[in-house]
Amino acid sequence: MFTPLKAVAGAIMLHMATDNYLFTNGRILGASSILFGGLQQLITDPAQAIASSNSLHVLFGMFLSGLSAFLFTPIFMPNYEAHLPWAPFGSWTNLIAGVLVGFGTKLGSGCTSGHMLCGIARGSKRSFVATATFSIFAMLTARVVGSLPTCFDAAGQEVACHHIAENYSAEIPYLAGLLGVIIVLRNVIPKLNLPANTRATLSSIFSGFAFGTGLLVSGLASPQKTLGFLAGVPPKFDPSLAMVMLFGVLPNAISVWKSGFFKNVTPLLTTEFSLPQIFDVTPRLIAGAAIFGIGWGIAGVCPGPGILGSFLDGLKGFSWLAGFIPAYYLAGKV
């Protein structure tokens, strides 16, 4: 069901998370590379990773966002069970999807966060092509395998998924509180009287927290809502996630434009931006984006929501992660 208020608030949080990580830490918040890179660094050198891994710090922030929602704002927790009747491969659905998403995002150099939220905002031709490719393949896959969910009203009657369904009186205080906390932290952390590396660590953790919270609030963390968006047309189309483009990608693009496309500024807490240096649209990019799109369309889980699901969705969430990690690694060898 369409939840415009939560979708807009969550999109703003996603903007603040990705914008902060870019202009404070100088990095792109790409969930797929952050997930694999953070875990790889933790395994190979735990002490060094805990001390200085930006990726691991973002993952920790995302864990805190899930824990916070579970303890204090359960109103924003995804209903992971709601999609089970439409899981095309039963209990194997998340594992299969995780394999495809892992392989595809490595081959295609990114996912919805790196390419759509951040790449399109930077005017990257590769990201425009990748986003179009994985979106089309996700929509086609969801329709072919029958993973598109049906929506029901409070009385249990089937309704069109674009109908608005929000409890504004219950949601507004939580949304206002979360947005207030995130805005304050965004402005306070870089100015703390602490060493720059400590502020950079706190900034990365904050970016992860805001990113995870934005996914939960907007509905992107919910497979049912994501697949509803991938339906594309009524009656199963849920337009909530279109708000991410309007209130997440567009503000990011404005920030990039104001920076002179990174020519007029430097990151607040580091000496230079760490941006992708590959600009060509290659068959590898398109193939990877297509494979990712197929995996996304099967289960409605891309890497950011997959990170949250790995500790919020029990065995199903862990099975997605168990498929993603080795597939991402293998794709790096191709």
C-alpha atoms as a PDB file:
ATOM      1  CA  MET A   1       0.000   0.000   0.000  1.00  0.00           C
ATOM      2  CA  PHE A   2       1.128   3.556  -0.761  1.00  0.00           C
ATOM      3  CA  THR A   3       2.731   5.250   2.267  1.00  0.00           C
ATOM      4  CA  PRO A   4       3.809   8.691   0.978  1.00  0.00           C
ATOM      5  CA  LEU A   5       4.666  10.260   4.339  1.00  0.00           C
ATOM      6  CA  LYS A   6       7.029   7.491   5.397  1.00  0.00           C
ATOM      7  CA  ALA A   7       8.456   7.242   1.899  1.00  0.00           C
ATOM      8  CA  VAL A   8       9.321  10.951   1.788  1.00  0.00           C
ATOM      9  CA  ALA A   9      10.792  10.967   5.306  1.00  0.00           C
ATOM     10  CA  GLY A  10      12.838   7.849   4.598  1.00  0.00           C
ATOM     11  CA  ALA A  11      14.093   9.269   1.306  1.00  0.00           C
ATOM     12  CA  ILE A  12      15.289  12.419   3.080  1.00  0.00           C
ATOM     13  CA  MET A  13      17.174  10.223   5.561  1.00  0.00           C
ATOM     14  CA  LEU A  14      18.771   8.300   2.689  1.00  0.00           C
ATOM     15  CA  HIS A  15      19.825  11.618   1.158  1.00  0.00           C
ATOM     16  CA  MET A  16      21.404  12.798   4.410  1.00  0.00           C
ATOM     17  CA  ALA A  17      23.217   9.480   4.862  1.00  0.00           C
ATOM     18  CA  THR A  18      24.719   9.356   1.376  1.00  0.00           C
ATOM     19  CA  ASP A  19      25.387  13.098   1.230  1.00  0.00           C
ATOM     20  CA  ASN A  20      27.168  13.026   4.586  1.00  0.00           C
ATOM     21  CA  TYR A  21      29.318  10.035   3.659  1.00  0.00           C
ATOM     22  CA  LEU A  22      30.307  11.749   0.410  1.00  0.00           C
ATOM     23  CA  PHE A  23      30.992  15.283   1.590  1.00  0.00           C
ATOM     24  CA  THR A  24      32.290  14.436   5.077  1.00  0.00           C
ATOM     25  CA  ASN A  25      34.150  11.153   4.509  1.00  0.00           C
ATOM     26  CA  GLY A  26      34.750  11.604   0.784  1.00  0.00           C
ATOM     27  CA  ARG A  27      33.254   8.243  -0.173  1.00  0.00           C
ATOM     28  CA  ILE A  28      30.361   6.725  -2.091  1.00  0.00           C
ATOM     29  CA  LEU A  29      27.899   4.828   0.083  1.00  0.00           C
ATOM     30  CA  GLY A  30      27.585   1.729  -2.087  1.00  0.00           C
ATOM     31  CA  ALA A  31      25.990  -0.973   0.041  1.00  0.00           C
ATOM     32  CA  SER A  32      27.281  -3.968  -1.928  1.00  0.00           C
ATOM     33  CA  SER A  33      30.963  -3.006  -1.716  1.00  0.00           C
ATOM     34  CA  ILE A  34      30.550  -1.832   1.879  1.00  0.00           C
ATOM     35  CA  LEU A  35      29.024  -5.175   2.884  1.00  0.00           C
ATOM     36  CA  PHE A  36      31.698  -7.341   1.286  1.00  0.00           C
ATOM     37  CA  GLY A  37      34.583  -4.983   2.029  1.00  0.00           C
ATOM     38  CA  GLY A  38      33.662  -4.493   5.672  1.00  0.00           C
ATOM     39  CA  LEU A  39      33.342  -8.225   6.357  1.00  0.00           C
ATOM     40  CA  GLN A  40      36.518  -9.007   4.424  1.00  0.00           C
ATOM     41  CA  GLN A  41      38.498  -6.446   6.414  1.00  0.00           C
ATOM     42  CA  LEU A  42      37.041  -7.743   9.679  1.00  0.00           C
ATOM     43  CA  ILE A  43      38.131 -11.297   8.856  1.00  0.00           C
ATOM     44  CA  THR A  44      41.624 -10.476   7.582  1.00  0.00           C
ATOM     45  CA  ASP A  45      42.633  -7.890  10.205  1.00  0.00           C
ATOM     46  CA  PRO A  46      40.009  -7.430  12.941  1.00  0.00           C
ATOM     47  CA  ALA A  47      41.923  -4.874  14.998  1.00  0.00           C
ATOM     48  CA  GLN A  48      42.719  -2.660  12.027  1.00  0.00           C
ATOM     49  CA  ALA A  49      39.178  -2.964  10.670  1.00  0.00           C
ATOM     50  CA  ILE A  50      37.596  -1.958  13.956  1.00  0.00           C
ATOM     51  CA  ALA A  51      39.967   0.991  14.228  1.00  0.00           C
ATOM     52  CA  SER A  52      39.822   2.397  10.726  1.00  0.00           C
ATOM     53  CA  SER A  53      37.509   0.573   8.294  1.00  0.00           C
ATOM     54  CA  ASN A  54      34.952   3.031   6.941  1.00  0.00           C
ATOM     55  CA  SER A  55      32.934   0.128   5.550  1.00  0.00           C
ATOM     56  CA  LEU A  56      32.807  -1.711   8.865  1.00  0.00           C
ATOM     57  CA  HIS A  57      31.789   1.480  10.656  1.00  0.00           C
ATOM     58  CA  VAL A  58      28.914   1.986   8.196  1.00  0.00           C
ATOM     59  CA  LEU A  59      27.815  -1.617   8.772  1.00  0.00           C
ATOM     60  CA  PHE A  60      27.883  -1.026  12.517  1.00  0.00           C
ATOM     61  CA  GLY A  61      25.732   2.067  12.062  1.00  0.00           C
ATOM     62  CA  MET A  62      23.243   0.032  10.038  1.00  0.00           C
ATOM     63  CA  PHE A  63      23.164  -2.572  12.798  1.00  0.00           C
ATOM     64  CA  LEU A  64      22.374   0.208  15.273  1.00  0.00           C
ATOM     65  CA  SER A  65      19.529   1.407  13.048  1.00  0.00           C
ATOM     66  CA  GLY A  66      17.976  -2.050  13.041  1.00  0.00           C
ATOM     67  CA  LEU A  67      18.439  -2.426  16.784  1.00  0.00           C
ATOM     68  CA  SER A  68      16.925   1.015  17.380  1.00  0.00           C
ATOM     69  CA  ALA A  69      13.881   0.202  15.244  1.00  0.00           C
ATOM     70  CA  PHE A  70      13.415  -3.147  16.976  1.00  0.00           C
ATOM     71  CA  LEU A  71      13.599  -1.604  20.456  1.00  0.00           C
ATOM     72  CA  PHE A  72      12.071   1.853  20.061  1.00  0.00           C
ATOM     73  CA  THR A  73      10.222   2.243  16.759  1.00  0.00           C
ATOM     74  CA  PRO A  74       8.760  -1.167  15.846  1.00  0.00           C
ATOM     75  CA  ILE A  75       6.189   0.703  13.752  1.00  0.00           C
ATOM     76  CA  PHE A  76       8.910   0.878  11.059  1.00  0.00           C
ATOM     77  CA  MET A  77      10.000  -2.766  11.218  1.00  0.00           C
ATOM     78  CA  PRO A  78       9.400  -4.686   7.962  1.00  0.00           C
ATOM     79  CA  ASN A  79       6.849  -7.483   7.981  1.00  0.00           C
ATOM     80  CA  TYR A  80       9.093 -10.101   6.436  1.00  0.00           C
ATOM     81  CA  GLU A  81       6.411 -12.767   6.634  1.00  0.00           C
ATOM     82  CA  ALA A  82       4.004 -10.818   4.409  1.00  0.00           C
ATOM     83  CA  HIS A  83       5.812 -11.791   1.223  1.00  0.00           C
ATOM     84  CA  LEU A  84       6.120 -15.531   1.906  1.00  0.00           C
ATOM     85  CA  PRO A  85       3.035 -16.537  -0.143  1.00  0.00           C
ATOM     86  CA  TRP A  86       4.687 -15.007  -3.231  1.00  0.00           C
ATOM     87  CA  ALA A  87       8.228 -16.392  -2.736  1.00  0.00           C
ATOM     88  CA  PRO A  88       8.764 -18.084  -6.131  1.00  0.00           C
ATOM     89  CA  PHE A  89      11.259 -20.698  -4.945  1.00  0.00           C
ATOM     90  CA  GLY A  90       9.923 -21.313  -1.455  1.00  0.00           C
ATOM     91  CA  SER A  91      12.569 -21.484   1.264  1.00  0.00           C
ATOM     92  CA  TRP A  92      15.316 -21.260  -1.397  1.00  0.00           C
ATOM     93  CA  THR A  93      14.174 -17.861  -2.655  1.00  0.00           C
ATOM     94  CA  ASN A  94      16.480 -15.684  -0.556  1.00  0.00           C
ATOM     95  CA  LEU A  95      19.538 -17.870  -1.122  1.00  0.00           C
ATOM     96  CA  ILE A  96      19.052 -17.874  -4.897  1.00  0.00           C
ATOM     97  CA  ALA A  97      18.416 -14.126  -4.898  1.00  0.00           C
ATOM     98  CA  GLY A  98      21.487 -13.495  -2.738  1.00  0.00           C
ATOM     99  CA  VAL A  99      23.714 -15.389  -5.168  1.00  0.00           C
ATOM    100  CA  LEU A 100      22.433 -13.410  -8.148  1.00  0.00           C
ATOM    101  CA  VAL A 101      22.605 -10.060  -6.347  1.00  0.00           C
ATOM    102  CA  GLY A 102      26.130 -10.740  -5.082  1.00  0.00           C
ATOM    103  CA  PHE A 103      27.463 -11.841  -8.455  1.00  0.00           C
ATOM    104  CA  GLY A 104      25.639  -9.095 -10.327  1.00  0.00           C
ATOM    105  CA  THR A 105      26.604  -6.180  -8.099  1.00  0.00           C
ATOM    106  CA  LYS A 106      30.288  -7.084  -8.213  1.00  0.00           C
ATOM    107  CA  LEU A 107      30.233  -7.612 -11.970  1.00  0.00           C
ATOM    108  CA  GLY A 108      28.179  -4.442 -12.473  1.00  0.00           C
ATOM    109  CA  SER A 109      30.160  -2.309  -9.996  1.00  0.00           C
ATOM    110  CA  GLY A 110      27.259  -1.362  -7.750  1.00  0.00           C
ATOM    111  CA  CYS A 111      23.635  -1.589  -6.724  1.00  0.00           C
ATOM    112  CA  THR A 112      20.696   0.710  -6.024  1.00  0.00           C
ATOM    113  CA  SER A 113      22.623   2.837  -3.535  1.00  0.00           C
ATOM    114  CA  GLY A 114      25.912   3.196  -5.406  1.00  0.00           C
ATOM    115  CA  HIS A 115      24.422   3.562  -8.878  1.00  0.00           C
ATOM    116  CA  MET A 116      20.978   5.064  -8.290  1.00  0.00           C
ATOM    117  CA  LEU A 117      21.212   7.151  -5.106  1.00  0.00           C
ATOM    118  CA  CYS A 118      24.810   8.265  -5.617  1.00  0.00           C
ATOM    119  CA  GLY A 119      25.787   7.599  -9.234  1.00  0.00           C
ATOM    120  CA  ILE A 120      22.854   9.229 -10.990  1.00  0.00           C
ATOM    121  CA  ALA A 121      23.255  12.212  -8.670  1.00  0.00           C
ATOM    122  CA  ARG A 122      26.869  12.551  -9.879  1.00  0.00           C
ATOM    123  CA  GLY A 123      25.754  12.438 -13.501  1.00  0.00           C
ATOM    124  CA  SER A 124      27.539   9.139 -14.098  1.00  0.00           C
ATOM    125  CA  LYS A 125      26.705   7.651 -17.496  1.00  0.00           C
ATOM    126  CA  ARG A 126      27.596   4.191 -16.168  1.00  0.00           C
ATOM    127  CA  SER A 127      25.141   4.595 -13.314  1.00  0.00           C
ATOM    128  CA  PHE A 128      22.325   5.752 -15.589  1.00  0.00           C
ATOM    129  CA  VAL A 129      22.818   2.679 -17.787  1.00  0.00           C
ATOM    130  CA  ALA A 130      23.201   0.311 -14.828  1.00  0.00           C
ATOM    131  CA  THR A 131      20.106   1.680 -13.062  1.00  0.00           C
ATOM    132  CA  ALA A 132      17.982   1.412 -16.190  1.00  0.00           C
ATOM    133  CA  THR A 133      19.241  -2.124 -16.801  1.00  0.00           C
ATOM    134  CA  PHE A 134      18.725  -3.564 -13.331  1.00  0.00           C
ATOM    135  CA  SER A 135      15.350  -1.831 -12.959  1.00  0.00           C
ATOM    136  CA  ILE A 136      14.034  -3.265 -16.233  1.00  0.00           C
ATOM    137  CA  PHE A 137      15.307  -6.761 -15.473  1.00  0.00           C
ATOM    138  CA  ALA A 138      13.927  -6.618 -11.926  1.00  0.00           C
ATOM    139  CA  MET A 139      10.482  -5.598 -13.164  1.00  0.00           C
ATOM    140  CA  LEU A 140      10.446  -8.298 -15.850  1.00  0.00           C
ATOM    141  CA  THR A 141      11.698 -10.971 -13.451  1.00  0.00           C
ATOM    142  CA  ALA A 142       9.162 -10.152 -10.742  1.00  0.00           C
ATOM    143  CA  ARG A 143       6.368 -10.472 -13.282  1.00  0.00           C
ATOM    144  CA  VAL A 144       7.687 -13.682 -14.869  1.00  0.00           C
ATOM    145  CA  VAL A 145       8.368 -15.603 -11.634  1.00  0.00           C
ATOM    146  CA  GLY A 146       5.206 -14.366  -9.938  1.00  0.00           C
ATOM    147  CA  SER A 147       6.844 -12.636  -6.974  1.00  0.00           C
ATOM    148  CA  LEU A 148       4.556  -9.568  -7.139  1.00  0.00           C
ATOM    149  CA  PRO A 149       2.490  -9.405  -3.931  1.00  0.00           C
ATOM    150  CA  THR A 150      -1.197  -8.614  -3.568  1.00  0.00           C
ATOM    151  CA  CYS A 151      -2.383  -5.853  -1.208  1.00  0.00           C
ATOM    152  CA  PHE A 152      -5.201  -6.137   1.308  1.00  0.00           C
ATOM    153  CA  ASP A 153      -7.029  -3.549   3.394  1.00  0.00           C
ATOM    154  CA  ALA A 154      -7.646  -3.741   7.142  1.00  0.00           C
ATOM    155  CA  ALA A 155     -10.725  -5.891   6.543  1.00  0.00           C
ATOM    156  CA  GLY A 156      -8.725  -8.404   4.522  1.00  0.00           C
ATOM    157  CA  GLN A 157     -10.203  -7.367   1.183  1.00  0.00           C
ATOM    158  CA  GLU A 158      -7.935  -7.240  -1.858  1.00  0.00           C
ATOM    159  CA  VAL A 159      -7.280  -3.661  -3.001  1.00  0.00           C
ATOM    160  CA  ALA A 160      -5.063  -1.839  -5.482  1.00  0.00           C
ATOM    161  CA  CYS A 161      -1.611  -1.282  -3.987  1.00  0.00           C
ATOM    162  CA  HIS A 162      -1.513   2.411  -4.914  1.00  0.00           C
ATOM    163  CA  HIS A 163      -4.205   3.174  -2.306  1.00  0.00           C
ATOM    164  CA  ILE A 164      -2.888   5.286   0.566  1.00  0.00           C
ATOM    165  CA  ALA A 165      -2.608   3.442   3.871  1.00  0.00           C
ATOM    166  CA  GLU A 166      -0.986   5.398   6.671  1.00  0.00           C
ATOM    167  CA  ASN A 167      -1.728   6.008  10.330  1.00  0.00           C
ATOM    168  CA  TYR A 168      -0.583   9.622  10.371  1.00  0.00           C
ATOM    169  CA  SER A 169      -1.351  10.277  14.035  1.00  0.00           C
ATOM    170  CA  ALA A 170       0.851   7.368  15.084  1.00  0.00           C
ATOM    171  CA  GLU A 171       3.649   7.976  12.584  1.00  0.00           C
ATOM    172  CA  ILE A 172       4.248  11.733  12.673  1.00  0.00           C
ATOM    173  CA  PRO A 173       5.774  11.905  16.195  1.00  0.00           C
ATOM    174  CA  TYR A 174       8.200   9.087  15.379  1.00  0.00           C
ATOM    175  CA  LEU A 175       9.121  10.544  11.995  1.00  0.00           C
ATOM    176  CA  ALA A 176       9.660  14.014  13.440  1.00  0.00           C
ATOM    177  CA  GLY A 177      11.803  12.603  16.230  1.00  0.00           C
ATOM    178  CA  LEU A 178      13.961  10.493  13.925  1.00  0.00           C
ATOM    179  CA  LEU A 179      14.444  13.302  11.418  1.00  0.00           C
ATOM    180  CA  GLY A 180      15.327  15.682  14.242  1.00  0.00           C
ATOM    181  CA  VAL A 181      17.942  13.315  15.666  1.00  0.00           C
ATOM    182  CA  ILE A 182      19.484  12.672  12.251  1.00  0.00           C
ATOM    183  CA  ILE A 183      19.628  16.377  11.346  1.00  0.00           C
ATOM    184  CA  VAL A 184      21.267  17.255  14.670  1.00  0.00           C
ATOM    185  CA  LEU A 185      23.840  14.456  14.430  1.00  0.00           C
ATOM    186  CA  ARG A 186      24.624  15.350  10.825  1.00  0.00           C
ATOM    187  CA  ASN A 187      25.544  18.890  11.866  1.00  0.00           C
ATOM    188  CA  VAL A 188      27.174  18.178  15.231  1.00  0.00           C
ATOM    189  CA  ILE A 189      29.499  15.224  14.562  1.00  0.00           C
ATOM    190  CA  PRO A 190      31.916  16.949  12.117  1.00  0.00           C
ATOM    191  CA  LYS A 191      32.300  19.875  14.547  1.00  0.00           C
ATOM    192  CA  LEU A 192      33.055  17.884  17.706  1.00  0.00           C
ATOM    193  CA  ASN A 193      36.256  18.767  19.553  1.00  0.00           C
ATOM    194  CA  LEU A 194      37.815  15.396  18.762  1.00  0.00           C
ATOM    195  CA  PRO A 195      40.660  14.159  16.527  1.00  0.00           C
ATOM    196  CA  ALA A 196      39.743  14.082  12.849  1.00  0.00           C
ATOM    197  CA  ASN A 197      40.002  10.291  12.617  1.00  0.00           C
ATOM    198  CA  THR A 198      37.594   9.902  15.550  1.00  0.00           C
ATOM    199  CA  ARG A 199      35.118  12.294  13.943  1.00  0.00           C
ATOM    200  CA  ALA A 200      35.481  10.387  10.664  1.00  0.00           C
ATOM    201  CA  THR A 201      34.651   7.136  12.450  1.00  0.00           C
ATOM    202  CA  LEU A 202      31.604   8.682  14.112  1.00  0.00           C
ATOM    203  CA  SER A 203      30.554  10.175  10.779  1.00  0.00           C
ATOM    204  CA  SER A 204      30.723   6.762   9.077  1.00  0.00           C
ATOM    205  CA  ILE A 205      28.686   5.187  11.875  1.00  0.00           C
ATOM    206  CA  PHE A 206      26.165   8.008  11.590  1.00  0.00           C
ATOM    207  CA  SER A 207      25.904   7.525   7.823  1.00  0.00           C
ATOM    208  CA  GLY A 208      25.187   3.841   8.358  1.00  0.00           C
ATOM    209  CA  PHE A 209      22.586   4.614  11.015  1.00  0.00           C
ATOM    210  CA  ALA A 210      20.824   7.218   8.863  1.00  0.00           C
ATOM    211  CA  PHE A 211      21.002   4.951   5.813  1.00  0.00           C
ATOM    212  CA  GLY A 212      19.545   1.958   7.637  1.00  0.00           C
ATOM    213  CA  THR A 213      16.852   4.084   9.252  1.00  0.00           C
ATOM    214  CA  GLY A 214      15.965   5.571   5.866  1.00  0.00           C
ATOM    215  CA  LEU A 215      15.589   2.090   4.380  1.00  0.00           C
ATOM    216  CA  LEU A 216      13.318   1.012   7.230  1.00  0.00           C
ATOM    217  CA  VAL A 217      11.179   4.152   7.252  1.00  0.00           C
ATOM    218  CA  SER A 218      10.802   4.473   3.464  1.00  0.00           C
ATOM    219  CA  GLY A 219       9.822   0.847   3.006  1.00  0.00           C
ATOM    220  CA  LEU A 220      12.847  -0.136   0.906  1.00  0.00           C
ATOM    221  CA  ALA A 221      13.750  -2.661   3.602  1.00  0.00           C
ATOM    222  CA  SER A 222      10.416  -4.419   3.047  1.00  0.00           C
ATOM    223  CA  PRO A 223      10.490  -6.996   0.219  1.00  0.00           C
ATOM    224  CA  GLN A 224       6.739  -6.643  -0.212  1.00  0.00           C
ATOM    225  CA  LYS A 225       6.885  -2.866  -0.791  1.00  0.00           C
ATOM    226  CA  THR A 226       9.924  -3.098  -3.041  1.00  0.00           C
ATOM    227  CA  LEU A 227       8.275  -5.733  -5.212  1.00  0.00           C
ATOM    228  CA  GLY A 228       5.122  -3.620  -5.244  1.00  0.00           C
ATOM    229  CA  PHE A 229       7.155  -0.814  -6.777  1.00  0.00           C
ATOM    230  CA  LEU A 230       8.697  -3.225  -9.282  1.00  0.00           C
ATOM    231  CA  ALA A 231       5.184  -4.160 -10.425  1.00  0.00           C
ATOM    232  CA  GLY A 232       5.286  -0.957 -12.475  1.00  0.00           C
ATOM    233  CA  VAL A 233       1.561  -0.811 -13.232  1.00  0.00           C
ATOM    234  CA  PRO A 234      -1.670  -1.108 -11.201  1.00  0.00           C
ATOM    235  CA  PRO A 235      -3.230  -2.899  -9.456  1.00  0.00           C
ATOM    236  CA  LYS A 236      -0.075  -4.251  -7.782  1.00  0.00           C
ATOM    237  CA  PHE A 237       2.020  -1.107  -8.247  1.00  0.00           C
ATOM    238  CA  ASP A 238       3.010   0.642  -4.995  1.00  0.00           C
ATOM    239  CA  PRO A 239       4.498   4.079  -5.855  1.00  0.00           C
ATOM    240  CA  SER A 240       6.084   4.631  -2.428  1.00  0.00           C
ATOM    241  CA  LEU A 241       9.644   4.091  -3.581  1.00  0.00           C
ATOM    242  CA  ALA A 242       9.314   6.661  -6.355  1.00  0.00           C
ATOM    243  CA  MET A 243       9.699   9.151  -3.497  1.00  0.00           C
ATOM    244  CA  VAL A 244      13.302   7.984  -3.150  1.00  0.00           C
ATOM    245  CA  MET A 245      14.043   9.417  -6.586  1.00  0.00           C
ATOM    246  CA  LEU A 246      12.367  12.731  -5.781  1.00  0.00           C
ATOM    247  CA  PHE A 247      13.579  13.248  -2.219  1.00  0.00           C
ATOM    248  CA  GLY A 248      16.770  11.168  -2.213  1.00  0.00           C
ATOM    249  CA  VAL A 249      18.421  11.299  -5.625  1.00  0.00           C
ATOM    250  CA  LEU A 250      17.374  14.856  -6.523  1.00  0.00           C
ATOM    251  CA  PRO A 251      18.765  16.465  -3.320  1.00  0.00           C
ATOM    252  CA  ASN A 252      21.972  14.470  -3.824  1.00  0.00           C
ATOM    253  CA  ALA A 253      22.231  15.838  -7.361  1.00  0.00           C
ATOM    254  CA  ILE A 254      21.722  19.384  -6.090  1.00  0.00           C
ATOM    255  CA  SER A 255      24.542  18.912  -3.561  1.00  0.00           C
ATOM    256  CA  VAL A 256      26.873  17.662  -6.282  1.00  0.00           C
ATOM    257  CA  TRP A 257      25.932  20.581  -8.536  1.00  0.00           C
ATOM    258  CA  LYS A 258      26.525  23.091  -5.716  1.00  0.00           C
ATOM    259  CA  SER A 259      29.971  21.573  -5.158  1.00  0.00           C
ATOM    260  CA  GLY A 260      30.885  22.306  -8.774  1.00  0.00           C
ATOM    261  CA  PHE A 261      30.961  18.558  -9.356  1.00  0.00           C
ATOM    262  CA  PHE A 262      33.603  18.253  -6.603  1.00  0.00           C
ATOM    263  CA  LYS A 263      35.836  20.987  -8.045  1.00  0.00           C
ATOM    264  CA  ASN A 264      34.987  23.670  -5.474  1.00  0.00           C
ATOM    265  CA  VAL A 265      35.112  21.648  -2.239  1.00  0.00           C
ATOM    266  CA  THR A 266      37.054  19.000  -0.362  1.00  0.00           C
ATOM    267  CA  PRO A 267      35.574  16.509   2.128  1.00  0.00           C
ATOM    268  CA  LEU A 268      35.280  17.854   5.660  1.00  0.00           C
ATOM    269  CA  LEU A 269      37.292  15.088   7.328  1.00  0.00           C
ATOM    270  CA  THR A 270      39.685  13.841   4.665  1.00  0.00           C
ATOM    271  CA  THR A 271      41.964  15.358   2.065  1.00  0.00           C
ATOM    272  CA  GLU A 272      40.264  14.206  -1.152  1.00  0.00           C
ATOM    273  CA  PHE A 273      37.265  12.427  -2.621  1.00  0.00           C
ATOM    274  CA  SER A 274      37.514   8.704  -3.334  1.00  0.00           C
ATOM    275  CA  LEU A 275      35.345   8.402  -6.447  1.00  0.00           C
ATOM    276  CA  PRO A 276      35.039   5.742  -9.173  1.00  0.00           C
ATOM    277  CA  GLN A 277      37.632   6.218 -11.899  1.00  0.00           C
ATOM    278  CA  ILE A 278      36.062   3.955 -14.529  1.00  0.00           C
ATOM    279  CA  PHE A 279      33.773   5.817 -16.920  1.00  0.00           C
ATOM    280  CA  ASP A 280      33.122   3.488 -19.858  1.00  0.00           C
ATOM    281  CA  VAL A 281      29.873   1.578 -20.294  1.00  0.00           C
ATOM    282  CA  THR A 282      31.032  -2.009 -20.850  1.00  0.00           C
ATOM    283  CA  PRO A 283      29.324  -5.356 -21.532  1.00  0.00           C
ATOM    284  CA  ARG A 284      30.492  -6.440 -18.073  1.00  0.00           C
ATOM    285  CA  LEU A 285      28.624  -3.532 -16.466  1.00  0.00           C
ATOM    286  CA  ILE A 286      25.410  -4.280 -18.356  1.00  0.00           C
ATOM    287  CA  ALA A 287      25.604  -8.031 -17.722  1.00  0.00           C
ATOM    288  CA  GLY A 288      26.219  -7.475 -14.021  1.00  0.00           C
ATOM    289  CA  ALA A 289      23.355  -5.010 -13.717  1.00  0.00           C
ATOM    290  CA  ALA A 290      21.041  -7.470 -15.491  1.00  0.00           C
ATOM    291  CA  ILE A 291      22.015 -10.342 -13.173  1.00  0.00           C
ATOM    292  CA  PHE A 292      21.536  -8.097 -10.152  1.00  0.00           C
ATOM    293  CA  GLY A 293      18.128  -7.058 -11.473  1.00  0.00           C
ATOM    294  CA  ILE A 294      17.047 -10.680 -11.807  1.00  0.00           C
ATOM    295  CA  GLY A 295      18.051 -11.370  -8.198  1.00  0.00           C
ATOM    296  CA  TRP A 296      16.331  -8.198  -7.013  1.00  0.00           C
ATOM    297  CA  GLY A 297      13.144  -9.125  -8.838  1.00  0.00           C
ATOM    298  CA  ILE A 298      13.051 -12.609  -7.321  1.00  0.00           C
ATOM    299  CA  ALA A 299      13.055 -11.570  -3.651  1.00  0.00           C
ATOM    300  CA  GLY A 300      12.810  -7.765  -3.563  1.00  0.00           C
ATOM    301  CA  VAL A 301      16.078  -7.520  -1.632  1.00  0.00           C
ATOM    302  CA  CYS A 302      19.017  -5.388  -2.764  1.00  0.00           C
ATOM    303  CA  PRO A 303      22.253  -5.092  -0.719  1.00  0.00           C
ATOM    304  CA  GLY A 304      21.176  -2.341   1.724  1.00  0.00           C
ATOM    305  CA  PRO A 305      17.980  -4.127   2.798  1.00  0.00           C
ATOM    306  CA  GLY A 306      19.938  -7.393   2.639  1.00  0.00           C
ATOM    307  CA  ILE A 307      22.305  -6.091   5.313  1.00  0.00           C
ATOM    308  CA  LEU A 308      19.365  -5.225   7.569  1.00  0.00           C
ATOM    309  CA  GLY A 309      17.616  -8.507   6.830  1.00  0.00           C
ATOM    310  CA  SER A 310      20.716 -10.507   7.747  1.00  0.00           C
ATOM    311  CA  PHE A 311      20.097  -9.701  11.411  1.00  0.00           C
ATOM    312  CA  LEU A 312      16.375  -8.830  11.399  1.00  0.00           C
ATOM    313  CA  ASP A 313      14.919 -11.591   9.201  1.00  0.00           C
ATOM    314  CA  GLY A 314      16.249 -14.707  10.891  1.00  0.00           C
ATOM    315  CA  LEU A 315      17.230 -17.669   8.732  1.00  0.00           C
ATOM    316  CA  LYS A 316      15.807 -16.139   5.534  1.00  0.00           C
ATOM    317  CA  GLY A 317      17.929 -13.030   5.976  1.00  0.00           C
ATOM    318  CA  PHE A 318      21.029 -15.058   6.765  1.00  0.00           C
ATOM    319  CA  SER A 319      20.475 -17.288   3.721  1.00  0.00           C
ATOM    320  CA  TRP A 320      20.459 -14.185   1.496  1.00  0.00           C
ATOM    321  CA  LEU A 321      23.795 -13.138   3.023  1.00  0.00           C
ATOM    322  CA  ALA A 322      25.169 -16.689   2.649  1.00  0.00           C
ATOM    323  CA  GLY A 323      24.417 -16.503  -1.059  1.00  0.00           C
ATOM    324  CA  PHE A 324      25.654 -12.948  -1.551  1.00  0.00           C
ATOM    325  CA  ILE A 325      29.156 -13.175  -0.027  1.00  0.00           C
ATOM    326  CA  PRO A 326      30.638 -16.118  -1.997  1.00  0.00           C
ATOM    327  CA  ALA A 327      28.974 -14.977  -5.222  1.00  0.00           C
ATOM    328  CA  TYR A 328      30.401 -11.458  -4.845  1.00  0.00           C
ATOM    329  CA  TYR A 329      33.835 -12.980  -4.228  1.00  0.00           C
ATOM    330  CA  LEU A 330      33.612 -15.283  -7.251  1.00  0.00           C
ATOM    331  CA  ALA A 331      32.497 -12.446  -9.525  1.00  0.00           C
ATOM    332  CA  GLY A 332      35.675 -10.609  -8.579  1.00  0.00           C
ATOM    333  CA  LYS A 333      37.658 -13.493 -10.078  1.00  0.00           C
ATOM    334  CA  VAL A 334      35.842 -13.345 -13.411  1.00  0.00           C
END
